[in-house]
Amino acid sequence: MNSWIDLNALWKIIVVGFLAGAGLPALFAVGVRALNPPVGIDEAGVSRRAAGALGHTVAALCFAVVLAAIGWGIYIIVNHS
């Protein structure tokens, strides 16, 4: 092990950075996508877009996790400064 680099801290920084840097925006995108399902064609030939209850539930859950992560980040910054 190198005395200049703390590998234990390094892998933690990489994991948290990956989750916050790529995971939260991806989760937000999943929530937006859940609100905008693919276009369906009804019996009359009219295209319909309806998220439905499941889409709204998935989107709310995704947005709640993103908001909780933002709140947790602000809490960490404020209380550890």
C-alpha atoms as a PDB file:
ATOM      1  CA  MET A   1       0.000   0.000   0.000  1.00  0.00           C
ATOM      2  CA  ASN A   2       1.193   3.443  -0.875  1.00  0.00           C
ATOM      3  CA  SER A   3       1.612   5.894   1.987  1.00  0.00           C
ATOM      4  CA  TRP A   4       0.586   8.767  -0.273  1.00  0.00           C
ATOM      5  CA  ILE A   5      -2.755   7.296  -1.304  1.00  0.00           C
ATOM      6  CA  ASP A   6      -5.379   5.987   1.096  1.00  0.00           C
ATOM      7  CA  LEU A   7      -7.007   3.296  -1.040  1.00  0.00           C
ATOM      8  CA  ASN A   8      -9.825   2.739   1.449  1.00  0.00           C
ATOM      9  CA  ALA A   9     -10.888   6.380   1.213  1.00  0.00           C
ATOM     10  CA  LEU A  10     -10.337   6.430  -2.544  1.00  0.00           C
ATOM     11  CA  TRP A  11     -12.775   3.624  -3.324  1.00  0.00           C
ATOM     12  CA  LYS A  12     -15.411   5.228  -1.066  1.00  0.00           C
ATOM     13  CA  ILE A  13     -15.042   8.541  -2.903  1.00  0.00           C
ATOM     14  CA  ILE A  14     -15.318   6.810  -6.274  1.00  0.00           C
ATOM     15  CA  VAL A  15     -18.450   4.863  -5.289  1.00  0.00           C
ATOM     16  CA  VAL A  16     -20.240   7.870  -3.781  1.00  0.00           C
ATOM     17  CA  GLY A  17     -19.199  10.043  -6.709  1.00  0.00           C
ATOM     18  CA  PHE A  18     -20.512   7.493  -9.185  1.00  0.00           C
ATOM     19  CA  LEU A  19     -23.823   7.115  -7.350  1.00  0.00           C
ATOM     20  CA  ALA A  20     -24.358  10.855  -6.922  1.00  0.00           C
ATOM     21  CA  GLY A  21     -22.899  11.859 -10.267  1.00  0.00           C
ATOM     22  CA  ALA A  22     -24.549   9.270 -12.483  1.00  0.00           C
ATOM     23  CA  GLY A  23     -27.063   7.426 -10.322  1.00  0.00           C
ATOM     24  CA  LEU A  24     -29.231  10.332  -9.196  1.00  0.00           C
ATOM     25  CA  PRO A  25     -29.604  11.895 -12.663  1.00  0.00           C
ATOM     26  CA  ALA A  26     -30.397   8.442 -14.058  1.00  0.00           C
ATOM     27  CA  LEU A  27     -33.015   7.916 -11.347  1.00  0.00           C
ATOM     28  CA  PHE A  28     -34.510  11.318 -12.139  1.00  0.00           C
ATOM     29  CA  ALA A  29     -34.663  10.327 -15.818  1.00  0.00           C
ATOM     30  CA  VAL A  30     -36.481   7.114 -14.888  1.00  0.00           C
ATOM     31  CA  GLY A  31     -39.035   9.209 -12.984  1.00  0.00           C
ATOM     32  CA  VAL A  32     -39.577  11.536 -15.933  1.00  0.00           C
ATOM     33  CA  ARG A  33     -39.893   8.550 -18.266  1.00  0.00           C
ATOM     34  CA  ALA A  34     -42.471   6.954 -15.964  1.00  0.00           C
ATOM     35  CA  LEU A  35     -44.630  10.054 -16.356  1.00  0.00           C
ATOM     36  CA  ASN A  36     -44.390   9.879 -20.148  1.00  0.00           C
ATOM     37  CA  PRO A  37     -45.139   6.325 -21.295  1.00  0.00           C
ATOM     38  CA  PRO A  38     -45.008   5.296 -24.953  1.00  0.00           C
ATOM     39  CA  VAL A  39     -47.831   6.393 -27.198  1.00  0.00           C
ATOM     40  CA  GLY A  40     -50.630   3.884 -27.487  1.00  0.00           C
ATOM     41  CA  ILE A  41     -53.279   3.793 -30.189  1.00  0.00           C
ATOM     42  CA  ASP A  42     -56.840   3.202 -29.005  1.00  0.00           C
ATOM     43  CA  GLU A  43     -59.635   1.474 -30.935  1.00  0.00           C
ATOM     44  CA  ALA A  44     -60.603   4.694 -32.713  1.00  0.00           C
ATOM     45  CA  GLY A  45     -57.056   5.186 -34.035  1.00  0.00           C
ATOM     46  CA  VAL A  46     -56.314   8.097 -31.713  1.00  0.00           C
ATOM     47  CA  SER A  47     -52.938   8.165 -29.990  1.00  0.00           C
ATOM     48  CA  ARG A  48     -53.147   8.295 -26.209  1.00  0.00           C
ATOM     49  CA  ARG A  49     -50.570   9.096 -23.557  1.00  0.00           C
ATOM     50  CA  ALA A  50     -51.579   8.183 -20.041  1.00  0.00           C
ATOM     51  CA  ALA A  51     -49.115   7.483 -17.267  1.00  0.00           C
ATOM     52  CA  GLY A  52     -51.640   5.798 -15.018  1.00  0.00           C
ATOM     53  CA  ALA A  53     -51.321   5.129 -11.315  1.00  0.00           C
ATOM     54  CA  LEU A  54     -48.261   2.897 -11.620  1.00  0.00           C
ATOM     55  CA  GLY A  55     -46.349   5.499 -13.615  1.00  0.00           C
ATOM     56  CA  HIS A  56     -47.189   8.202 -11.107  1.00  0.00           C
ATOM     57  CA  THR A  57     -46.162   5.963  -8.203  1.00  0.00           C
ATOM     58  CA  VAL A  58     -42.830   5.056  -9.798  1.00  0.00           C
ATOM     59  CA  ALA A  59     -42.156   8.703 -10.646  1.00  0.00           C
ATOM     60  CA  ALA A  60     -43.028   9.870  -7.130  1.00  0.00           C
ATOM     61  CA  LEU A  61     -40.731   7.250  -5.626  1.00  0.00           C
ATOM     62  CA  CYS A  62     -37.850   8.229  -7.919  1.00  0.00           C
ATOM     63  CA  PHE A  63     -38.310  11.934  -7.232  1.00  0.00           C
ATOM     64  CA  ALA A  64     -38.555  11.290  -3.479  1.00  0.00           C
ATOM     65  CA  VAL A  65     -35.227   9.427  -3.491  1.00  0.00           C
ATOM     66  CA  VAL A  66     -33.573  12.237  -5.462  1.00  0.00           C
ATOM     67  CA  LEU A  67     -34.970  14.880  -3.098  1.00  0.00           C
ATOM     68  CA  ALA A  68     -33.874  12.856  -0.062  1.00  0.00           C
ATOM     69  CA  ALA A  69     -30.350  12.618  -1.477  1.00  0.00           C
ATOM     70  CA  ILE A  70     -30.274  16.371  -2.069  1.00  0.00           C
ATOM     71  CA  GLY A  71     -31.525  17.012   1.464  1.00  0.00           C
ATOM     72  CA  TRP A  72     -28.979  14.613   2.920  1.00  0.00           C
ATOM     73  CA  GLY A  73     -26.189  16.340   0.989  1.00  0.00           C
ATOM     74  CA  ILE A  74     -27.239  19.744   2.272  1.00  0.00           C
ATOM     75  CA  TYR A  75     -27.462  18.366   5.809  1.00  0.00           C
ATOM     76  CA  ILE A  76     -23.944  16.923   5.567  1.00  0.00           C
ATOM     77  CA  ILE A  77     -22.525  20.193   4.228  1.00  0.00           C
ATOM     78  CA  VAL A  78     -24.216  22.360   6.856  1.00  0.00           C
ATOM     79  CA  ASN A  79     -23.406  20.192   9.868  1.00  0.00           C
ATOM     80  CA  HIS A  80     -19.831  19.277   8.950  1.00  0.00           C
ATOM     81  CA  SER A  81     -18.506  22.699   8.019  1.00  0.00           C
END
